Amino acid sequence: MNDNLPQDSEKPLMPRRPAESMRPAKERKPAKLRPLKKQDQKHIDRVEDDCLALTVIQKACAVICIERDKESAAIELKMSLAEVQEIMDSASVRLYLRKLQAEEIEQMARVKVRSMRQLKIGRPEIERRLMELANMDPEKTKGTIDGQVKALNTLATRFGYGSERDPTEDMTPEELQRLVVNKAKFIEGAKPVN
């Protein structure tokens, strides 16, 4: 055996460092989730197929880049920064990250709904509490009515009152005056004037 070669027990194995210069750890930032390019959106079926064919390494690279940074992905997966960038630029990885994000959001929403159900908080309970707040005497709220106004706005939006448009909003003062005169005459029994 050759005595010049180091023994495995003497020197620990280190991951291969990327050849490119790496930024200092404090300057590294997670990669941003970017949308699909227009040309990839045109061929979404092909991108979907490629997304299903991603390897574990590609998926791990994408997740590490989003959670930490590209340099960490290169070190952990023993890749060059160019290889990491190539993976992150691929349409299939972008689609995979979008799907992963949607699954995470859905999972978080389910957990939140379950916790609210355990507390017995539902739409009727929220509406009841908003109504209580809207009817509260301003003296009990230290003289401000902001809470009541916000509660009423929320209730109005919830029940569709906020979506109604005022028909007189775009009228000129002359049109408003004519409308008032016509309505007054109509109420008195006279024919409206145009």
C-alpha atoms as a PDB file:
ATOM      1  CA  MET A   1       0.000   0.000   0.000  1.00  0.00           C
ATOM      2  CA  ASN A   2       1.172   3.543  -0.712  1.00  0.00           C
ATOM      3  CA  ASP A   3       2.222   5.354   2.493  1.00  0.00           C
ATOM      4  CA  ASN A   4       1.889   8.808   0.915  1.00  0.00           C
ATOM      5  CA  LEU A   5      -1.942   8.583   0.691  1.00  0.00           C
ATOM      6  CA  PRO A   6      -3.798   9.803   3.788  1.00  0.00           C
ATOM      7  CA  GLN A   7      -5.804   7.235   5.686  1.00  0.00           C
ATOM      8  CA  ASP A   8      -9.587   7.647   5.917  1.00  0.00           C
ATOM      9  CA  SER A   9      -9.437   7.913   9.688  1.00  0.00           C
ATOM     10  CA  GLU A  10      -6.825  10.699   9.599  1.00  0.00           C
ATOM     11  CA  LYS A  11      -8.577  13.215   7.342  1.00  0.00           C
ATOM     12  CA  PRO A  12     -12.347  13.722   7.275  1.00  0.00           C
ATOM     13  CA  LEU A  13     -13.989  13.975   3.888  1.00  0.00           C
ATOM     14  CA  MET A  14     -15.039  17.518   2.995  1.00  0.00           C
ATOM     15  CA  PRO A  15     -17.682  18.364   0.432  1.00  0.00           C
ATOM     16  CA  ARG A  16     -16.341  19.602  -2.872  1.00  0.00           C
ATOM     17  CA  ARG A  17     -16.469  23.400  -2.937  1.00  0.00           C
ATOM     18  CA  PRO A  18     -17.795  25.103  -6.048  1.00  0.00           C
ATOM     19  CA  ALA A  19     -15.072  26.515  -8.295  1.00  0.00           C
ATOM     20  CA  GLU A  20     -16.811  29.912  -8.527  1.00  0.00           C
ATOM     21  CA  SER A  21     -16.204  32.494  -5.868  1.00  0.00           C
ATOM     22  CA  MET A  22     -18.851  32.394  -3.192  1.00  0.00           C
ATOM     23  CA  ARG A  23     -20.369  35.340  -1.389  1.00  0.00           C
ATOM     24  CA  PRO A  24     -19.766  35.627   2.337  1.00  0.00           C
ATOM     25  CA  ALA A  25     -22.481  33.958   4.418  1.00  0.00           C
ATOM     26  CA  LYS A  26     -23.847  37.258   5.718  1.00  0.00           C
ATOM     27  CA  GLU A  27     -24.451  38.533   2.154  1.00  0.00           C
ATOM     28  CA  ARG A  28     -26.343  35.444   0.990  1.00  0.00           C
ATOM     29  CA  LYS A  29     -30.098  35.590   0.575  1.00  0.00           C
ATOM     30  CA  PRO A  30     -32.691  32.967  -0.313  1.00  0.00           C
ATOM     31  CA  ALA A  31     -33.580  32.692  -3.980  1.00  0.00           C
ATOM     32  CA  LYS A  32     -36.844  34.309  -5.025  1.00  0.00           C
ATOM     33  CA  LEU A  33     -39.732  32.321  -6.397  1.00  0.00           C
ATOM     34  CA  ARG A  34     -40.004  33.420 -10.019  1.00  0.00           C
ATOM     35  CA  PRO A  35     -42.951  32.913 -12.380  1.00  0.00           C
ATOM     36  CA  LEU A  36     -42.869  30.845 -15.543  1.00  0.00           C
ATOM     37  CA  LYS A  37     -41.677  32.582 -18.686  1.00  0.00           C
ATOM     38  CA  LYS A  38     -44.251  33.334 -21.394  1.00  0.00           C
ATOM     39  CA  GLN A  39     -42.761  30.775 -23.775  1.00  0.00           C
ATOM     40  CA  ASP A  40     -43.027  28.088 -21.060  1.00  0.00           C
ATOM     41  CA  GLN A  41     -46.638  29.026 -20.328  1.00  0.00           C
ATOM     42  CA  LYS A  42     -47.460  28.337 -23.969  1.00  0.00           C
ATOM     43  CA  HIS A  43     -46.137  24.781 -23.595  1.00  0.00           C
ATOM     44  CA  ILE A  44     -47.435  24.096 -20.087  1.00  0.00           C
ATOM     45  CA  ASP A  45     -48.112  20.410 -20.829  1.00  0.00           C
ATOM     46  CA  ARG A  46     -44.445  19.807 -21.599  1.00  0.00           C
ATOM     47  CA  VAL A  47     -43.416  21.719 -18.477  1.00  0.00           C
ATOM     48  CA  GLU A  48     -45.879  19.638 -16.395  1.00  0.00           C
ATOM     49  CA  ASP A  49     -44.325  16.434 -17.743  1.00  0.00           C
ATOM     50  CA  ASP A  50     -40.825  17.701 -16.985  1.00  0.00           C
ATOM     51  CA  CYS A  51     -41.959  18.686 -13.499  1.00  0.00           C
ATOM     52  CA  LEU A  52     -43.115  15.136 -12.814  1.00  0.00           C
ATOM     53  CA  ALA A  53     -39.724  13.856 -13.972  1.00  0.00           C
ATOM     54  CA  LEU A  54     -37.620  15.979 -11.600  1.00  0.00           C
ATOM     55  CA  THR A  55     -35.010  14.071  -9.635  1.00  0.00           C
ATOM     56  CA  VAL A  56     -34.674  14.137  -5.869  1.00  0.00           C
ATOM     57  CA  ILE A  57     -31.462  16.152  -6.235  1.00  0.00           C
ATOM     58  CA  GLN A  58     -33.196  18.800  -8.369  1.00  0.00           C
ATOM     59  CA  LYS A  59     -36.052  19.075  -5.885  1.00  0.00           C
ATOM     60  CA  ALA A  60     -33.625  19.275  -2.951  1.00  0.00           C
ATOM     61  CA  CYS A  61     -31.596  21.932  -4.751  1.00  0.00           C
ATOM     62  CA  ALA A  62     -34.705  24.047  -5.348  1.00  0.00           C
ATOM     63  CA  VAL A  63     -35.874  23.763  -1.746  1.00  0.00           C
ATOM     64  CA  ILE A  64     -32.440  24.595  -0.291  1.00  0.00           C
ATOM     65  CA  CYS A  65     -32.126  27.615  -2.605  1.00  0.00           C
ATOM     66  CA  ILE A  66     -35.528  28.937  -1.534  1.00  0.00           C
ATOM     67  CA  GLU A  67     -35.061  28.220   2.178  1.00  0.00           C
ATOM     68  CA  ARG A  68     -31.411  29.274   2.461  1.00  0.00           C
ATOM     69  CA  ASP A  69     -29.344  30.289  -0.574  1.00  0.00           C
ATOM     70  CA  LYS A  70     -27.718  28.979  -3.763  1.00  0.00           C
ATOM     71  CA  GLU A  71     -24.284  28.663  -2.203  1.00  0.00           C
ATOM     72  CA  SER A  72     -25.610  26.382   0.548  1.00  0.00           C
ATOM     73  CA  ALA A  73     -27.299  24.213  -2.084  1.00  0.00           C
ATOM     74  CA  ALA A  74     -24.048  23.990  -4.053  1.00  0.00           C
ATOM     75  CA  ILE A  75     -22.052  22.976  -0.972  1.00  0.00           C
ATOM     76  CA  GLU A  76     -24.560  20.465   0.385  1.00  0.00           C
ATOM     77  CA  LEU A  77     -25.261  18.820  -2.958  1.00  0.00           C
ATOM     78  CA  LYS A  78     -21.631  19.015  -4.159  1.00  0.00           C
ATOM     79  CA  MET A  79     -22.521  21.009  -7.258  1.00  0.00           C
ATOM     80  CA  SER A  80     -21.148  24.106  -8.907  1.00  0.00           C
ATOM     81  CA  LEU A  81     -23.041  27.374  -8.700  1.00  0.00           C
ATOM     82  CA  ALA A  82     -23.588  27.175 -12.465  1.00  0.00           C
ATOM     83  CA  GLU A  83     -25.317  23.804 -12.054  1.00  0.00           C
ATOM     84  CA  VAL A  84     -27.474  25.183  -9.247  1.00  0.00           C
ATOM     85  CA  GLN A  85     -28.379  28.232 -11.339  1.00  0.00           C
ATOM     86  CA  GLU A  86     -29.253  26.003 -14.299  1.00  0.00           C
ATOM     87  CA  ILE A  87     -31.598  23.964 -12.098  1.00  0.00           C
ATOM     88  CA  MET A  88     -33.230  27.107 -10.667  1.00  0.00           C
ATOM     89  CA  ASP A  89     -33.713  28.577 -14.164  1.00  0.00           C
ATOM     90  CA  SER A  90     -35.536  25.528 -15.509  1.00  0.00           C
ATOM     91  CA  ALA A  91     -39.277  25.868 -16.052  1.00  0.00           C
ATOM     92  CA  SER A  92     -40.004  22.512 -14.449  1.00  0.00           C
ATOM     93  CA  VAL A  93     -38.337  23.572 -11.175  1.00  0.00           C
ATOM     94  CA  ARG A  94     -40.219  26.875 -11.177  1.00  0.00           C
ATOM     95  CA  LEU A  95     -43.492  24.992 -11.625  1.00  0.00           C
ATOM     96  CA  TYR A  96     -42.503  22.520  -8.900  1.00  0.00           C
ATOM     97  CA  LEU A  97     -41.817  25.384  -6.474  1.00  0.00           C
ATOM     98  CA  ARG A  98     -45.155  27.030  -7.315  1.00  0.00           C
ATOM     99  CA  LYS A  99     -46.978  23.765  -6.621  1.00  0.00           C
ATOM    100  CA  LEU A 100     -45.006  23.265  -3.415  1.00  0.00           C
ATOM    101  CA  GLN A 101     -45.899  26.791  -2.284  1.00  0.00           C
ATOM    102  CA  ALA A 102     -49.596  26.198  -3.028  1.00  0.00           C
ATOM    103  CA  GLU A 103     -49.537  22.934  -1.045  1.00  0.00           C
ATOM    104  CA  GLU A 104     -47.857  24.678   1.912  1.00  0.00           C
ATOM    105  CA  ILE A 105     -50.417  27.488   1.915  1.00  0.00           C
ATOM    106  CA  GLU A 106     -53.286  24.992   1.716  1.00  0.00           C
ATOM    107  CA  GLN A 107     -51.809  22.951   4.561  1.00  0.00           C
ATOM    108  CA  MET A 108     -51.369  26.054   6.714  1.00  0.00           C
ATOM    109  CA  ALA A 109     -54.953  27.115   6.008  1.00  0.00           C
ATOM    110  CA  ARG A 110     -56.241  23.674   7.030  1.00  0.00           C
ATOM    111  CA  VAL A 111     -54.305  23.834  10.299  1.00  0.00           C
ATOM    112  CA  LYS A 112     -55.689  27.327  10.974  1.00  0.00           C
ATOM    113  CA  VAL A 113     -59.266  26.218  10.246  1.00  0.00           C
ATOM    114  CA  ARG A 114     -58.875  23.191  12.521  1.00  0.00           C
ATOM    115  CA  SER A 115     -57.579  25.357  15.364  1.00  0.00           C
ATOM    116  CA  MET A 116     -60.427  27.846  14.891  1.00  0.00           C
ATOM    117  CA  ARG A 117     -62.982  25.022  14.909  1.00  0.00           C
ATOM    118  CA  GLN A 118     -61.531  23.782  18.183  1.00  0.00           C
ATOM    119  CA  LEU A 119     -62.088  27.257  19.611  1.00  0.00           C
ATOM    120  CA  LYS A 120     -65.606  27.168  18.127  1.00  0.00           C
ATOM    121  CA  ILE A 121     -64.926  30.186  15.945  1.00  0.00           C
ATOM    122  CA  GLY A 122     -66.948  30.191  12.774  1.00  0.00           C
ATOM    123  CA  ARG A 123     -68.651  32.654  10.443  1.00  0.00           C
ATOM    124  CA  PRO A 124     -71.806  32.995  12.595  1.00  0.00           C
ATOM    125  CA  GLU A 125     -69.707  33.620  15.719  1.00  0.00           C
ATOM    126  CA  ILE A 126     -67.611  36.269  13.940  1.00  0.00           C
ATOM    127  CA  GLU A 127     -70.726  38.001  12.601  1.00  0.00           C
ATOM    128  CA  ARG A 128     -72.330  37.943  16.060  1.00  0.00           C
ATOM    129  CA  ARG A 129     -69.210  39.457  17.626  1.00  0.00           C
ATOM    130  CA  LEU A 130     -68.978  42.145  14.928  1.00  0.00           C
ATOM    131  CA  MET A 131     -72.616  43.046  15.550  1.00  0.00           C
ATOM    132  CA  GLU A 132     -71.914  43.331  19.299  1.00  0.00           C
ATOM    133  CA  LEU A 133     -68.955  45.602  18.584  1.00  0.00           C
ATOM    134  CA  ALA A 134     -70.947  47.737  16.151  1.00  0.00           C
ATOM    135  CA  ASN A 135     -73.714  48.221  18.760  1.00  0.00           C
ATOM    136  CA  MET A 136     -71.298  48.995  21.598  1.00  0.00           C
ATOM    137  CA  ASP A 137     -71.619  52.383  23.272  1.00  0.00           C
ATOM    138  CA  PRO A 138     -68.651  54.667  22.360  1.00  0.00           C
ATOM    139  CA  GLU A 139     -68.203  55.450  26.059  1.00  0.00           C
ATOM    140  CA  LYS A 140     -67.154  51.827  26.591  1.00  0.00           C
ATOM    141  CA  THR A 141     -64.486  52.201  23.908  1.00  0.00           C
ATOM    142  CA  LYS A 142     -62.762  55.210  25.491  1.00  0.00           C
ATOM    143  CA  GLY A 143     -64.691  57.672  23.350  1.00  0.00           C
ATOM    144  CA  THR A 144     -63.492  56.422  19.939  1.00  0.00           C
ATOM    145  CA  ILE A 145     -65.799  54.874  17.411  1.00  0.00           C
ATOM    146  CA  ASP A 146     -63.116  53.468  15.119  1.00  0.00           C
ATOM    147  CA  GLY A 147     -63.833  49.894  16.236  1.00  0.00           C
ATOM    148  CA  GLN A 148     -67.540  50.287  15.567  1.00  0.00           C
ATOM    149  CA  VAL A 149     -66.932  51.818  12.144  1.00  0.00           C
ATOM    150  CA  LYS A 150     -64.560  49.003  11.157  1.00  0.00           C
ATOM    151  CA  ALA A 151     -67.025  46.387  12.414  1.00  0.00           C
ATOM    152  CA  LEU A 152     -69.866  47.977  10.439  1.00  0.00           C
ATOM    153  CA  ASN A 153     -67.703  48.188   7.303  1.00  0.00           C
ATOM    154  CA  THR A 154     -66.808  44.510   7.655  1.00  0.00           C
ATOM    155  CA  LEU A 155     -70.445  43.540   8.160  1.00  0.00           C
ATOM    156  CA  ALA A 156     -71.555  45.697   5.231  1.00  0.00           C
ATOM    157  CA  THR A 157     -68.975  44.082   2.963  1.00  0.00           C
ATOM    158  CA  ARG A 158     -69.887  40.618   4.235  1.00  0.00           C
ATOM    159  CA  PHE A 159     -73.576  41.089   3.476  1.00  0.00           C
ATOM    160  CA  GLY A 160     -72.997  42.842   0.149  1.00  0.00           C
ATOM    161  CA  TYR A 161     -73.974  46.376   1.128  1.00  0.00           C
ATOM    162  CA  GLY A 162     -70.552  47.758   0.337  1.00  0.00           C
ATOM    163  CA  SER A 163     -70.785  46.659  -3.299  1.00  0.00           C
ATOM    164  CA  GLU A 164     -73.800  48.853  -4.097  1.00  0.00           C
ATOM    165  CA  ARG A 165     -72.998  51.977  -6.084  1.00  0.00           C
ATOM    166  CA  ASP A 166     -74.591  55.348  -5.432  1.00  0.00           C
ATOM    167  CA  PRO A 167     -76.506  56.257  -8.634  1.00  0.00           C
ATOM    168  CA  THR A 168     -76.132  59.984  -7.956  1.00  0.00           C
ATOM    169  CA  GLU A 169     -72.378  59.842  -7.486  1.00  0.00           C
ATOM    170  CA  ASP A 170     -71.486  60.998 -11.040  1.00  0.00           C
ATOM    171  CA  MET A 171     -74.282  63.576 -11.418  1.00  0.00           C
ATOM    172  CA  THR A 172     -73.615  67.286 -11.808  1.00  0.00           C
ATOM    173  CA  PRO A 173     -75.243  69.730  -9.394  1.00  0.00           C
ATOM    174  CA  GLU A 174     -77.786  70.711 -12.093  1.00  0.00           C
ATOM    175  CA  GLU A 175     -78.752  67.071 -12.634  1.00  0.00           C
ATOM    176  CA  LEU A 176     -79.091  66.539  -8.892  1.00  0.00           C
ATOM    177  CA  GLN A 177     -81.342  69.613  -8.593  1.00  0.00           C
ATOM    178  CA  ARG A 178     -83.511  68.441 -11.508  1.00  0.00           C
ATOM    179  CA  LEU A 179     -83.763  64.996  -9.891  1.00  0.00           C
ATOM    180  CA  VAL A 180     -84.899  66.510  -6.593  1.00  0.00           C
ATOM    181  CA  VAL A 181     -87.474  68.766  -8.307  1.00  0.00           C
ATOM    182  CA  ASN A 182     -88.812  65.880 -10.396  1.00  0.00           C
ATOM    183  CA  LYS A 183     -89.074  63.564  -7.403  1.00  0.00           C
ATOM    184  CA  ALA A 184     -90.834  66.256  -5.361  1.00  0.00           C
ATOM    185  CA  LYS A 185     -93.354  66.874  -8.154  1.00  0.00           C
ATOM    186  CA  PHE A 186     -93.805  63.127  -8.631  1.00  0.00           C
ATOM    187  CA  ILE A 187     -94.585  62.692  -4.932  1.00  0.00           C
ATOM    188  CA  GLU A 188     -97.096  65.570  -5.096  1.00  0.00           C
ATOM    189  CA  GLY A 189     -98.833  63.930  -8.083  1.00  0.00           C
ATOM    190  CA  ALA A 190     -97.592  66.153 -10.900  1.00  0.00           C
ATOM    191  CA  LYS A 191     -95.891  64.741 -13.993  1.00  0.00           C
ATOM    192  CA  PRO A 192     -92.044  64.753 -13.918  1.00  0.00           C
ATOM    193  CA  VAL A 193     -90.298  67.343 -16.119  1.00  0.00           C
ATOM    194  CA  ASN A 194     -87.400  66.176 -18.283  1.00  0.00           C
END
